Amino acid sequence: MSKDRDAAELEVDGRTVRISHPERVYFPEIGATKIDLANYYLSVGEGIVRALRERPCMLHRFPDGLEGQKVHQKRLPRGAPDWVETVRVHFPRYDRDADELCVTHLSDVLWAVQMSTVEFHPWNSRRGDVERPDEWRIDLDPMPDCDFDRVRRVAKVAHEVLDELSAEGWPKTSGGTGLHIYVRIEPNWGFEDVRRAAWAFAREVERRASGEVTTAWWRKERDPAAVFVDYNQNSRDHTIASAYSVRGVPTATVSTPVRWEEIDDLDPKDFTIRTVPKRFEELGDLHAGIDDAVFSLDPLLEWAERDEKHGGRAK
């Protein structure tokens, strides 16, 4: 890294990425700066690129740091170098198109950081066919009065159901108070079917974790002490923070891949831009094998059909 008074230059992928205002404090609680954020993403480069590769990606930008306004950016910000790639997606509700960031190299991530991006929120489909997801996302979202012990117990139930389906789940912290589990799937179904499959799985977890899980669509109908298995995260244009994405909170927590056996003892607050680089150096990317563990949704779609015949339906 070379540095002058006003900027730092990072060499990555044979490209030079200029980071302006490197000493601007982004995370006041821990004093982490813009260059700290960039160096964090450098340290987990293989992991963040794997998580984002060739997916339309919405950016959560903080041009004035966390104390300023957050910008949800779908279209690629202006001024991108020629080497930054995009993918065009259509938004039927507004009958508009947007060219979203499509990460193919770590330099794309660093350029996004230069544009004040803190969080990366990719689609669960790739640019080869954006209408057919290749990732099923299980979001264990604790309601306001739910403690993390309950999230742990529900994660165990989810793991048991995945094992029975012969589906390999790849867990990670959300960067907040919940857990995410990703499953690589065949890109043979549209968003509606993937969401139906996710709903059927959530219903099965709800049955087995009696009293600890809710799948109620309306927030006012959910037990405030339950874990909401948010199947709606598989809807078109719904995104959640990727693996290795920093979250826009003062402590700079990170959505971090974990082993199943770690969940009993982990504290999500321990995974930050200060701690995850060393973990990554020691363990590598715990999601490295995800693309080799592909699951067919057929059994879950059969469950969905079964539940629909008995009066259930994903809202």
C-alpha atoms as a PDB file:
ATOM      1  CA  MET A   1       0.000   0.000   0.000  1.00  0.00           C
ATOM      2  CA  SER A   2       1.332   3.414  -0.943  1.00  0.00           C
ATOM      3  CA  LYS A   3      -0.112   6.433   0.783  1.00  0.00           C
ATOM      4  CA  ASP A   4      -0.157  10.207   0.483  1.00  0.00           C
ATOM      5  CA  ARG A   5      -1.852  12.878   2.540  1.00  0.00           C
ATOM      6  CA  ASP A   6      -5.262  12.466   0.897  1.00  0.00           C
ATOM      7  CA  ALA A   7      -5.447   8.891  -0.388  1.00  0.00           C
ATOM      8  CA  ALA A   8      -4.149   5.335  -0.130  1.00  0.00           C
ATOM      9  CA  GLU A   9      -3.501   3.064  -3.081  1.00  0.00           C
ATOM     10  CA  LEU A  10      -4.110  -0.668  -2.867  1.00  0.00           C
ATOM     11  CA  GLU A  11      -2.680  -3.064  -5.438  1.00  0.00           C
ATOM     12  CA  VAL A  12      -5.002  -5.990  -6.076  1.00  0.00           C
ATOM     13  CA  ASP A  13      -5.679  -8.221  -9.091  1.00  0.00           C
ATOM     14  CA  GLY A  14      -3.055  -6.268 -11.015  1.00  0.00           C
ATOM     15  CA  ARG A  15      -5.101  -3.103 -10.568  1.00  0.00           C
ATOM     16  CA  THR A  16      -4.622  -0.041  -8.432  1.00  0.00           C
ATOM     17  CA  VAL A  17      -7.594   0.984  -6.318  1.00  0.00           C
ATOM     18  CA  ARG A  18      -7.394   4.452  -4.827  1.00  0.00           C
ATOM     19  CA  ILE A  19      -8.986   4.879  -1.393  1.00  0.00           C
ATOM     20  CA  SER A  20      -9.689   8.543  -0.726  1.00  0.00           C
ATOM     21  CA  HIS A  21      -9.952   9.890   2.832  1.00  0.00           C
ATOM     22  CA  PRO A  22      -8.479   6.664   4.256  1.00  0.00           C
ATOM     23  CA  GLU A  23      -8.439   7.959   7.828  1.00  0.00           C
ATOM     24  CA  ARG A  24     -12.121   8.894   7.891  1.00  0.00           C
ATOM     25  CA  VAL A  25     -13.657   7.131  10.892  1.00  0.00           C
ATOM     26  CA  TYR A  26     -16.502   4.853   9.833  1.00  0.00           C
ATOM     27  CA  PHE A  27     -17.060   2.904  13.048  1.00  0.00           C
ATOM     28  CA  PRO A  28     -16.811   5.338  15.964  1.00  0.00           C
ATOM     29  CA  GLU A  29     -17.214   2.811  18.755  1.00  0.00           C
ATOM     30  CA  ILE A  30     -14.000   1.002  17.803  1.00  0.00           C
ATOM     31  CA  GLY A  31     -12.281   3.811  15.894  1.00  0.00           C
ATOM     32  CA  ALA A  32     -12.105   1.842  12.641  1.00  0.00           C
ATOM     33  CA  THR A  33     -11.489   3.874   9.504  1.00  0.00           C
ATOM     34  CA  LYS A  34     -12.179   3.586   5.805  1.00  0.00           C
ATOM     35  CA  ILE A  35      -8.733   2.090   5.190  1.00  0.00           C
ATOM     36  CA  ASP A  36      -9.354  -0.397   8.018  1.00  0.00           C
ATOM     37  CA  LEU A  37     -12.511  -1.457   6.181  1.00  0.00           C
ATOM     38  CA  ALA A  38     -10.619  -1.843   2.914  1.00  0.00           C
ATOM     39  CA  ASN A  39      -7.851  -3.845   4.568  1.00  0.00           C
ATOM     40  CA  TYR A  40     -10.443  -6.075   6.228  1.00  0.00           C
ATOM     41  CA  TYR A  41     -11.935  -6.982   2.840  1.00  0.00           C
ATOM     42  CA  LEU A  42      -8.426  -7.630   1.498  1.00  0.00           C
ATOM     43  CA  SER A  43      -7.824 -10.059   4.360  1.00  0.00           C
ATOM     44  CA  VAL A  44     -10.928 -12.143   3.546  1.00  0.00           C
ATOM     45  CA  GLY A  45     -10.685 -11.700  -0.204  1.00  0.00           C
ATOM     46  CA  GLU A  46     -11.231 -15.288  -1.279  1.00  0.00           C
ATOM     47  CA  GLY A  47     -14.292 -15.585   0.943  1.00  0.00           C
ATOM     48  CA  ILE A  48     -16.028 -12.344   0.027  1.00  0.00           C
ATOM     49  CA  VAL A  49     -15.485 -12.924  -3.697  1.00  0.00           C
ATOM     50  CA  ARG A  50     -16.882 -16.451  -3.442  1.00  0.00           C
ATOM     51  CA  ALA A  51     -19.955 -15.113  -1.630  1.00  0.00           C
ATOM     52  CA  LEU A  52     -20.593 -12.393  -4.236  1.00  0.00           C
ATOM     53  CA  ARG A  53     -19.278 -13.901  -7.450  1.00  0.00           C
ATOM     54  CA  GLU A  54     -21.454 -13.082 -10.479  1.00  0.00           C
ATOM     55  CA  ARG A  55     -24.480 -12.126  -8.386  1.00  0.00           C
ATOM     56  CA  PRO A  56     -26.405  -8.874  -8.758  1.00  0.00           C
ATOM     57  CA  CYS A  57     -25.390  -6.984  -5.658  1.00  0.00           C
ATOM     58  CA  MET A  58     -27.072  -4.155  -3.801  1.00  0.00           C
ATOM     59  CA  LEU A  59     -24.687  -1.902  -1.884  1.00  0.00           C
ATOM     60  CA  HIS A  60     -25.296  -0.291   1.486  1.00  0.00           C
ATOM     61  CA  ARG A  61     -23.209   2.865   1.320  1.00  0.00           C
ATOM     62  CA  PHE A  62     -22.356   5.358   4.061  1.00  0.00           C
ATOM     63  CA  PRO A  63     -20.828   8.373   2.297  1.00  0.00           C
ATOM     64  CA  ASP A  64     -20.414  10.248   5.587  1.00  0.00           C
ATOM     65  CA  GLY A  65     -19.655   7.230   7.778  1.00  0.00           C
ATOM     66  CA  LEU A  66     -22.170   5.484  10.014  1.00  0.00           C
ATOM     67  CA  GLU A  67     -23.226   8.739  11.586  1.00  0.00           C
ATOM     68  CA  GLY A  68     -24.512   9.931   8.222  1.00  0.00           C
ATOM     69  CA  GLN A  69     -27.279   8.710   5.954  1.00  0.00           C
ATOM     70  CA  LYS A  70     -27.277   5.151   4.610  1.00  0.00           C
ATOM     71  CA  VAL A  71     -27.769   4.806   0.869  1.00  0.00           C
ATOM     72  CA  HIS A  72     -29.286   1.612  -0.578  1.00  0.00           C
ATOM     73  CA  GLN A  73     -27.675   1.507  -4.008  1.00  0.00           C
ATOM     74  CA  LYS A  74     -28.990  -0.853  -6.657  1.00  0.00           C
ATOM     75  CA  ARG A  75     -27.490   0.844  -9.688  1.00  0.00           C
ATOM     76  CA  LEU A  76     -23.725   0.868  -9.981  1.00  0.00           C
ATOM     77  CA  PRO A  77     -22.444   4.197  -8.648  1.00  0.00           C
ATOM     78  CA  ARG A  78     -21.123   6.605 -11.243  1.00  0.00           C
ATOM     79  CA  GLY A  79     -17.443   6.775 -12.024  1.00  0.00           C
ATOM     80  CA  ALA A  80     -16.755   3.053 -12.044  1.00  0.00           C
ATOM     81  CA  PRO A  81     -13.603   1.920 -13.883  1.00  0.00           C
ATOM     82  CA  ASP A  82     -14.064  -0.046 -17.104  1.00  0.00           C
ATOM     83  CA  TRP A  83     -13.063  -3.272 -15.371  1.00  0.00           C
ATOM     84  CA  VAL A  84     -15.964  -3.211 -12.894  1.00  0.00           C
ATOM     85  CA  GLU A  85     -18.662  -5.514 -14.301  1.00  0.00           C
ATOM     86  CA  THR A  86     -22.435  -5.262 -13.967  1.00  0.00           C
ATOM     87  CA  VAL A  87     -25.522  -7.363 -14.546  1.00  0.00           C
ATOM     88  CA  ARG A  88     -28.823  -5.906 -15.701  1.00  0.00           C
ATOM     89  CA  VAL A  89     -31.925  -6.776 -13.715  1.00  0.00           C
ATOM     90  CA  HIS A  90     -35.524  -5.792 -14.346  1.00  0.00           C
ATOM     91  CA  PHE A  91     -37.927  -4.519 -11.695  1.00  0.00           C
ATOM     92  CA  PRO A  92     -41.466  -5.282 -12.921  1.00  0.00           C
ATOM     93  CA  ARG A  93     -43.153  -3.176 -10.253  1.00  0.00           C
ATOM     94  CA  TYR A  94     -41.613  -0.030 -11.721  1.00  0.00           C
ATOM     95  CA  ASP A  95     -40.959  -1.418 -15.229  1.00  0.00           C
ATOM     96  CA  ARG A  96     -37.347  -0.303 -14.910  1.00  0.00           C
ATOM     97  CA  ASP A  97     -33.935  -1.868 -15.364  1.00  0.00           C
ATOM     98  CA  ALA A  98     -30.844  -1.413 -13.236  1.00  0.00           C
ATOM     99  CA  ASP A  99     -27.224  -2.335 -13.877  1.00  0.00           C
ATOM    100  CA  GLU A 100     -26.059  -3.723 -10.532  1.00  0.00           C
ATOM    101  CA  LEU A 101     -22.526  -4.468  -9.412  1.00  0.00           C
ATOM    102  CA  CYS A 102     -21.457  -7.979 -10.418  1.00  0.00           C
ATOM    103  CA  VAL A 103     -18.319  -8.942  -8.498  1.00  0.00           C
ATOM    104  CA  THR A 104     -15.801 -11.081 -10.366  1.00  0.00           C
ATOM    105  CA  HIS A 105     -12.575  -9.956  -8.659  1.00  0.00           C
ATOM    106  CA  LEU A 106     -11.510  -8.613  -5.287  1.00  0.00           C
ATOM    107  CA  SER A 107     -10.692  -5.279  -6.911  1.00  0.00           C
ATOM    108  CA  ASP A 108     -14.451  -4.819  -7.502  1.00  0.00           C
ATOM    109  CA  VAL A 109     -15.040  -5.117  -3.762  1.00  0.00           C
ATOM    110  CA  LEU A 110     -12.275  -2.626  -2.964  1.00  0.00           C
ATOM    111  CA  TRP A 111     -13.636  -0.151  -5.504  1.00  0.00           C
ATOM    112  CA  ALA A 112     -17.055  -0.433  -3.835  1.00  0.00           C
ATOM    113  CA  VAL A 113     -15.393   0.356  -0.493  1.00  0.00           C
ATOM    114  CA  GLN A 114     -13.868   3.435  -2.111  1.00  0.00           C
ATOM    115  CA  MET A 115     -17.450   4.396  -2.947  1.00  0.00           C
ATOM    116  CA  SER A 116     -18.275   4.180   0.790  1.00  0.00           C
ATOM    117  CA  THR A 117     -19.822   0.695   0.675  1.00  0.00           C
ATOM    118  CA  VAL A 118     -19.880  -1.091   4.019  1.00  0.00           C
ATOM    119  CA  GLU A 119     -22.401  -3.894   3.381  1.00  0.00           C
ATOM    120  CA  PHE A 120     -22.784  -6.173   0.357  1.00  0.00           C
ATOM    121  CA  HIS A 121     -26.238  -7.666  -0.269  1.00  0.00           C
ATOM    122  CA  PRO A 122     -26.193 -10.101  -3.203  1.00  0.00           C
ATOM    123  CA  TRP A 123     -29.112 -11.793  -4.908  1.00  0.00           C
ATOM    124  CA  ASN A 124     -29.453 -15.551  -4.533  1.00  0.00           C
ATOM    125  CA  SER A 125     -29.167 -15.951  -8.315  1.00  0.00           C
ATOM    126  CA  ARG A 126     -26.308 -15.322 -10.726  1.00  0.00           C
ATOM    127  CA  ARG A 127     -26.008 -13.326 -13.912  1.00  0.00           C
ATOM    128  CA  GLY A 128     -26.195 -16.425 -16.127  1.00  0.00           C
ATOM    129  CA  ASP A 129     -29.922 -16.541 -15.308  1.00  0.00           C
ATOM    130  CA  VAL A 130     -30.987 -14.016 -12.707  1.00  0.00           C
ATOM    131  CA  GLU A 131     -34.507 -15.479 -12.603  1.00  0.00           C
ATOM    132  CA  ARG A 132     -33.371 -18.909 -11.360  1.00  0.00           C
ATOM    133  CA  PRO A 133     -31.738 -18.905  -7.919  1.00  0.00           C
ATOM    134  CA  ASP A 134     -28.914 -21.288  -7.101  1.00  0.00           C
ATOM    135  CA  GLU A 135     -28.999 -20.517  -3.372  1.00  0.00           C
ATOM    136  CA  TRP A 136     -31.689 -21.249  -0.798  1.00  0.00           C
ATOM    137  CA  ARG A 137     -31.386 -19.042   2.269  1.00  0.00           C
ATOM    138  CA  ILE A 138     -32.626 -19.964   5.730  1.00  0.00           C
ATOM    139  CA  ASP A 139     -32.863 -16.872   7.922  1.00  0.00           C
ATOM    140  CA  LEU A 140     -33.265 -17.503  11.648  1.00  0.00           C
ATOM    141  CA  ASP A 141     -34.422 -14.071  12.743  1.00  0.00           C
ATOM    142  CA  PRO A 142     -35.011 -13.642  16.499  1.00  0.00           C
ATOM    143  CA  MET A 143     -37.935 -11.491  17.532  1.00  0.00           C
ATOM    144  CA  PRO A 144     -37.281  -8.677  20.059  1.00  0.00           C
ATOM    145  CA  ASP A 145     -37.664 -10.807  23.217  1.00  0.00           C
ATOM    146  CA  CYS A 146     -35.836 -13.864  21.860  1.00  0.00           C
ATOM    147  CA  ASP A 147     -32.393 -14.664  23.252  1.00  0.00           C
ATOM    148  CA  PHE A 148     -29.588 -16.307  21.322  1.00  0.00           C
ATOM    149  CA  ASP A 149     -29.932 -19.589  23.212  1.00  0.00           C
ATOM    150  CA  ARG A 150     -33.253 -20.066  21.452  1.00  0.00           C
ATOM    151  CA  VAL A 151     -31.641 -19.287  18.102  1.00  0.00           C
ATOM    152  CA  ARG A 152     -29.075 -21.989  18.872  1.00  0.00           C
ATOM    153  CA  ARG A 153     -31.783 -24.557  19.629  1.00  0.00           C
ATOM    154  CA  VAL A 154     -33.692 -23.735  16.451  1.00  0.00           C
ATOM    155  CA  ALA A 155     -30.478 -23.999  14.431  1.00  0.00           C
ATOM    156  CA  LYS A 156     -30.051 -27.553  15.744  1.00  0.00           C
ATOM    157  CA  VAL A 157     -33.538 -28.449  14.592  1.00  0.00           C
ATOM    158  CA  ALA A 158     -32.894 -26.908  11.195  1.00  0.00           C
ATOM    159  CA  HIS A 159     -29.672 -28.915  10.954  1.00  0.00           C
ATOM    160  CA  GLU A 160     -31.541 -32.145  11.768  1.00  0.00           C
ATOM    161  CA  VAL A 161     -34.114 -31.485   9.051  1.00  0.00           C
ATOM    162  CA  LEU A 162     -31.396 -30.676   6.527  1.00  0.00           C
ATOM    163  CA  ASP A 163     -29.610 -33.916   7.391  1.00  0.00           C
ATOM    164  CA  GLU A 164     -32.807 -35.883   6.809  1.00  0.00           C
ATOM    165  CA  LEU A 165     -33.126 -34.216   3.417  1.00  0.00           C
ATOM    166  CA  SER A 166     -29.454 -34.995   2.645  1.00  0.00           C
ATOM    167  CA  ALA A 167     -28.962 -31.262   2.134  1.00  0.00           C
ATOM    168  CA  GLU A 168     -25.734 -29.655   3.283  1.00  0.00           C
ATOM    169  CA  GLY A 169     -26.280 -26.391   5.107  1.00  0.00           C
ATOM    170  CA  TRP A 170     -23.594 -23.741   5.482  1.00  0.00           C
ATOM    171  CA  PRO A 171     -24.215 -21.607   8.603  1.00  0.00           C
ATOM    172  CA  LYS A 172     -23.027 -18.090   9.304  1.00  0.00           C
ATOM    173  CA  THR A 173     -23.777 -15.383  11.791  1.00  0.00           C
ATOM    174  CA  SER A 174     -25.979 -12.609  10.443  1.00  0.00           C
ATOM    175  CA  GLY A 175     -23.764  -9.896  11.848  1.00  0.00           C
ATOM    176  CA  GLY A 176     -26.663  -9.079  14.142  1.00  0.00           C
ATOM    177  CA  THR A 177     -28.513 -11.351  16.555  1.00  0.00           C
ATOM    178  CA  GLY A 178     -29.537 -14.148  14.187  1.00  0.00           C
ATOM    179  CA  LEU A 179     -28.097 -16.940  12.087  1.00  0.00           C
ATOM    180  CA  HIS A 180     -28.250 -17.654   8.368  1.00  0.00           C
ATOM    181  CA  ILE A 181     -27.919 -21.053   6.727  1.00  0.00           C
ATOM    182  CA  TYR A 182     -27.248 -21.297   2.996  1.00  0.00           C
ATOM    183  CA  VAL A 183     -27.881 -24.319   0.794  1.00  0.00           C
ATOM    184  CA  ARG A 184     -26.630 -24.484  -2.774  1.00  0.00           C
ATOM    185  CA  ILE A 185     -29.428 -25.663  -5.092  1.00  0.00           C
ATOM    186  CA  GLU A 186     -29.857 -26.622  -8.712  1.00  0.00           C
ATOM    187  CA  PRO A 187     -30.882 -23.493 -10.688  1.00  0.00           C
ATOM    188  CA  ASN A 188     -33.955 -25.236 -12.060  1.00  0.00           C
ATOM    189  CA  TRP A 189     -36.697 -23.233 -10.330  1.00  0.00           C
ATOM    190  CA  GLY A 190     -37.915 -19.665 -10.281  1.00  0.00           C
ATOM    191  CA  PHE A 191     -38.167 -17.495  -7.191  1.00  0.00           C
ATOM    192  CA  GLU A 192     -41.745 -18.494  -6.430  1.00  0.00           C
ATOM    193  CA  ASP A 193     -40.906 -22.183  -6.191  1.00  0.00           C
ATOM    194  CA  VAL A 194     -37.755 -21.548  -4.155  1.00  0.00           C
ATOM    195  CA  ARG A 195     -39.824 -19.473  -1.749  1.00  0.00           C
ATOM    196  CA  ARG A 196     -42.472 -22.237  -1.523  1.00  0.00           C
ATOM    197  CA  ALA A 197     -39.740 -24.752  -0.734  1.00  0.00           C
ATOM    198  CA  ALA A 198     -38.288 -22.437   1.913  1.00  0.00           C
ATOM    199  CA  TRP A 199     -41.755 -22.013   3.421  1.00  0.00           C
ATOM    200  CA  ALA A 200     -42.277 -25.782   3.596  1.00  0.00           C
ATOM    201  CA  PHE A 201     -38.942 -26.186   5.361  1.00  0.00           C
ATOM    202  CA  ALA A 202     -39.793 -23.391   7.806  1.00  0.00           C
ATOM    203  CA  ARG A 203     -43.126 -25.055   8.605  1.00  0.00           C
ATOM    204  CA  GLU A 204     -41.368 -28.350   9.339  1.00  0.00           C
ATOM    205  CA  VAL A 205     -38.910 -26.634  11.673  1.00  0.00           C
ATOM    206  CA  GLU A 206     -41.841 -24.881  13.345  1.00  0.00           C
ATOM    207  CA  ARG A 207     -43.571 -28.222  13.962  1.00  0.00           C
ATOM    208  CA  ARG A 208     -40.479 -29.796  15.481  1.00  0.00           C
ATOM    209  CA  ALA A 209     -39.386 -26.799  17.568  1.00  0.00           C
ATOM    210  CA  SER A 210     -42.773 -26.394  19.160  1.00  0.00           C
ATOM    211  CA  GLY A 211     -43.291 -23.018  20.782  1.00  0.00           C
ATOM    212  CA  GLU A 212     -39.875 -21.670  19.774  1.00  0.00           C
ATOM    213  CA  VAL A 213     -40.471 -20.849  16.105  1.00  0.00           C
ATOM    214  CA  THR A 214     -42.959 -18.760  14.197  1.00  0.00           C
ATOM    215  CA  THR A 215     -43.685 -18.602  10.493  1.00  0.00           C
ATOM    216  CA  ALA A 216     -46.513 -16.067  10.885  1.00  0.00           C
ATOM    217  CA  TRP A 217     -46.458 -13.618   8.026  1.00  0.00           C
ATOM    218  CA  TRP A 218     -47.745 -10.578   9.924  1.00  0.00           C
ATOM    219  CA  ARG A 219     -45.355  -9.267  12.539  1.00  0.00           C
ATOM    220  CA  LYS A 220     -48.192  -8.526  14.962  1.00  0.00           C
ATOM    221  CA  GLU A 221     -49.085 -12.246  14.927  1.00  0.00           C
ATOM    222  CA  ARG A 222     -45.588 -13.427  15.892  1.00  0.00           C
ATOM    223  CA  ASP A 223     -44.611 -14.404  19.419  1.00  0.00           C
ATOM    224  CA  PRO A 224     -42.092 -11.703  20.424  1.00  0.00           C
ATOM    225  CA  ALA A 225     -39.939 -14.390  22.096  1.00  0.00           C
ATOM    226  CA  ALA A 226     -39.844 -16.712  19.063  1.00  0.00           C
ATOM    227  CA  VAL A 227     -37.447 -17.210  16.171  1.00  0.00           C
ATOM    228  CA  PHE A 228     -38.996 -16.199  12.865  1.00  0.00           C
ATOM    229  CA  VAL A 229     -37.822 -18.511  10.075  1.00  0.00           C
ATOM    230  CA  ASP A 230     -37.996 -15.888   7.373  1.00  0.00           C
ATOM    231  CA  TYR A 231     -38.689 -17.814   4.185  1.00  0.00           C
ATOM    232  CA  ASN A 232     -39.481 -14.549   2.405  1.00  0.00           C
ATOM    233  CA  GLN A 233     -35.746 -13.876   2.072  1.00  0.00           C
ATOM    234  CA  ASN A 234     -35.965 -16.152  -0.968  1.00  0.00           C
ATOM    235  CA  SER A 235     -38.303 -13.807  -2.819  1.00  0.00           C
ATOM    236  CA  ARG A 236     -37.118 -12.015  -5.920  1.00  0.00           C
ATOM    237  CA  ASP A 237     -35.002  -8.941  -5.145  1.00  0.00           C
ATOM    238  CA  HIS A 238     -34.839  -9.745  -1.432  1.00  0.00           C
ATOM    239  CA  THR A 239     -31.277  -9.709  -0.203  1.00  0.00           C
ATOM    240  CA  ILE A 240     -29.364 -10.231   3.011  1.00  0.00           C
ATOM    241  CA  ALA A 241     -25.775  -9.465   3.917  1.00  0.00           C
ATOM    242  CA  SER A 242     -23.342 -11.891   2.329  1.00  0.00           C
ATOM    243  CA  ALA A 243     -20.829 -14.067   4.100  1.00  0.00           C
ATOM    244  CA  TYR A 244     -17.925 -11.846   5.198  1.00  0.00           C
ATOM    245  CA  SER A 245     -19.941  -8.654   4.753  1.00  0.00           C
ATOM    246  CA  VAL A 246     -19.319  -6.087   7.443  1.00  0.00           C
ATOM    247  CA  ARG A 247     -22.506  -4.697   8.965  1.00  0.00           C
ATOM    248  CA  GLY A 248     -23.247  -1.013   9.293  1.00  0.00           C
ATOM    249  CA  VAL A 249     -23.156  -0.906  13.094  1.00  0.00           C
ATOM    250  CA  PRO A 250     -20.721   0.972  15.374  1.00  0.00           C
ATOM    251  CA  THR A 251     -18.873  -2.207  16.424  1.00  0.00           C
ATOM    252  CA  ALA A 252     -18.279  -3.324  12.792  1.00  0.00           C
ATOM    253  CA  THR A 253     -19.605  -6.842  13.251  1.00  0.00           C
ATOM    254  CA  VAL A 254     -19.229  -9.296  10.369  1.00  0.00           C
ATOM    255  CA  SER A 255     -21.586 -11.914   8.943  1.00  0.00           C
ATOM    256  CA  THR A 256     -19.193 -14.800   9.515  1.00  0.00           C
ATOM    257  CA  PRO A 257     -19.224 -18.451   8.392  1.00  0.00           C
ATOM    258  CA  VAL A 258     -19.103 -20.826  11.354  1.00  0.00           C
ATOM    259  CA  ARG A 259     -18.955 -24.564  11.935  1.00  0.00           C
ATOM    260  CA  TRP A 260     -22.078 -26.285  13.165  1.00  0.00           C
ATOM    261  CA  GLU A 261     -20.259 -27.428  16.293  1.00  0.00           C
ATOM    262  CA  GLU A 262     -19.336 -23.830  17.155  1.00  0.00           C
ATOM    263  CA  ILE A 263     -22.914 -22.621  17.429  1.00  0.00           C
ATOM    264  CA  ASP A 264     -23.417 -23.863  21.004  1.00  0.00           C
ATOM    265  CA  ASP A 265     -20.711 -21.555  22.324  1.00  0.00           C
ATOM    266  CA  LEU A 266     -20.360 -18.645  19.926  1.00  0.00           C
ATOM    267  CA  ASP A 267     -21.316 -15.045  20.591  1.00  0.00           C
ATOM    268  CA  PRO A 268     -22.126 -13.200  17.331  1.00  0.00           C
ATOM    269  CA  LYS A 269     -20.737  -9.962  18.773  1.00  0.00           C
ATOM    270  CA  ASP A 270     -17.246 -11.499  18.812  1.00  0.00           C
ATOM    271  CA  PHE A 271     -16.981 -11.499  15.001  1.00  0.00           C
ATOM    272  CA  THR A 272     -15.777  -8.066  13.871  1.00  0.00           C
ATOM    273  CA  ILE A 273     -13.374  -6.543  11.386  1.00  0.00           C
ATOM    274  CA  ARG A 274     -10.787  -6.731  14.188  1.00  0.00           C
ATOM    275  CA  THR A 275     -11.158 -10.466  14.848  1.00  0.00           C
ATOM    276  CA  VAL A 276     -12.306 -12.135  11.612  1.00  0.00           C
ATOM    277  CA  PRO A 277      -9.040 -11.614   9.635  1.00  0.00           C
ATOM    278  CA  LYS A 278      -7.059 -13.786  12.064  1.00  0.00           C
ATOM    279  CA  ARG A 279      -9.840 -16.381  12.070  1.00  0.00           C
ATOM    280  CA  PHE A 280      -9.822 -16.415   8.276  1.00  0.00           C
ATOM    281  CA  GLU A 281      -6.041 -16.800   8.220  1.00  0.00           C
ATOM    282  CA  GLU A 282      -6.274 -19.795  10.554  1.00  0.00           C
ATOM    283  CA  LEU A 283      -9.391 -21.527   9.177  1.00  0.00           C
ATOM    284  CA  GLY A 284      -9.702 -20.304   5.610  1.00  0.00           C
ATOM    285  CA  ASP A 285     -13.141 -19.904   4.090  1.00  0.00           C
ATOM    286  CA  LEU A 286     -15.522 -22.264   5.893  1.00  0.00           C
ATOM    287  CA  HIS A 287     -17.899 -21.943   2.912  1.00  0.00           C
ATOM    288  CA  ALA A 288     -15.240 -23.030   0.420  1.00  0.00           C
ATOM    289  CA  GLY A 289     -17.072 -26.238  -0.505  1.00  0.00           C
ATOM    290  CA  ILE A 290     -20.532 -24.766  -0.950  1.00  0.00           C
ATOM    291  CA  ASP A 291     -20.535 -24.931  -4.754  1.00  0.00           C
ATOM    292  CA  ASP A 292     -19.851 -28.681  -4.635  1.00  0.00           C
ATOM    293  CA  ALA A 293     -22.853 -29.540  -2.419  1.00  0.00           C
ATOM    294  CA  VAL A 294     -25.864 -29.027  -4.684  1.00  0.00           C
ATOM    295  CA  PHE A 295     -29.366 -29.971  -3.497  1.00  0.00           C
ATOM    296  CA  SER A 296     -32.566 -30.621  -5.439  1.00  0.00           C
ATOM    297  CA  LEU A 297     -35.677 -28.847  -4.117  1.00  0.00           C
ATOM    298  CA  ASP A 298     -37.993 -31.667  -5.237  1.00  0.00           C
ATOM    299  CA  PRO A 299     -38.622 -33.117  -1.751  1.00  0.00           C
ATOM    300  CA  LEU A 300     -39.353 -29.690  -0.298  1.00  0.00           C
ATOM    301  CA  LEU A 301     -41.749 -28.870  -3.105  1.00  0.00           C
ATOM    302  CA  GLU A 302     -43.535 -32.135  -2.310  1.00  0.00           C
ATOM    303  CA  TRP A 303     -43.783 -30.981   1.317  1.00  0.00           C
ATOM    304  CA  ALA A 304     -45.177 -27.656   0.120  1.00  0.00           C
ATOM    305  CA  GLU A 305     -47.824 -29.428  -1.967  1.00  0.00           C
ATOM    306  CA  ARG A 306     -48.722 -31.612   1.013  1.00  0.00           C
ATOM    307  CA  ASP A 307     -49.138 -28.624   3.323  1.00  0.00           C
ATOM    308  CA  GLU A 308     -51.115 -26.678   0.725  1.00  0.00           C
ATOM    309  CA  LYS A 309     -53.565 -29.573   0.436  1.00  0.00           C
ATOM    310  CA  HIS A 310     -54.169 -29.277   4.168  1.00  0.00           C
ATOM    311  CA  GLY A 311     -54.956 -25.596   3.979  1.00  0.00           C
ATOM    312  CA  GLY A 312     -51.519 -24.074   4.448  1.00  0.00           C
ATOM    313  CA  ARG A 313     -50.033 -21.643   1.983  1.00  0.00           C
ATOM    314  CA  ALA A 314     -47.078 -19.300   1.919  1.00  0.00           C
ATOM    315  CA  LYS A 315     -48.360 -15.716   2.063  1.00  0.00           C
END
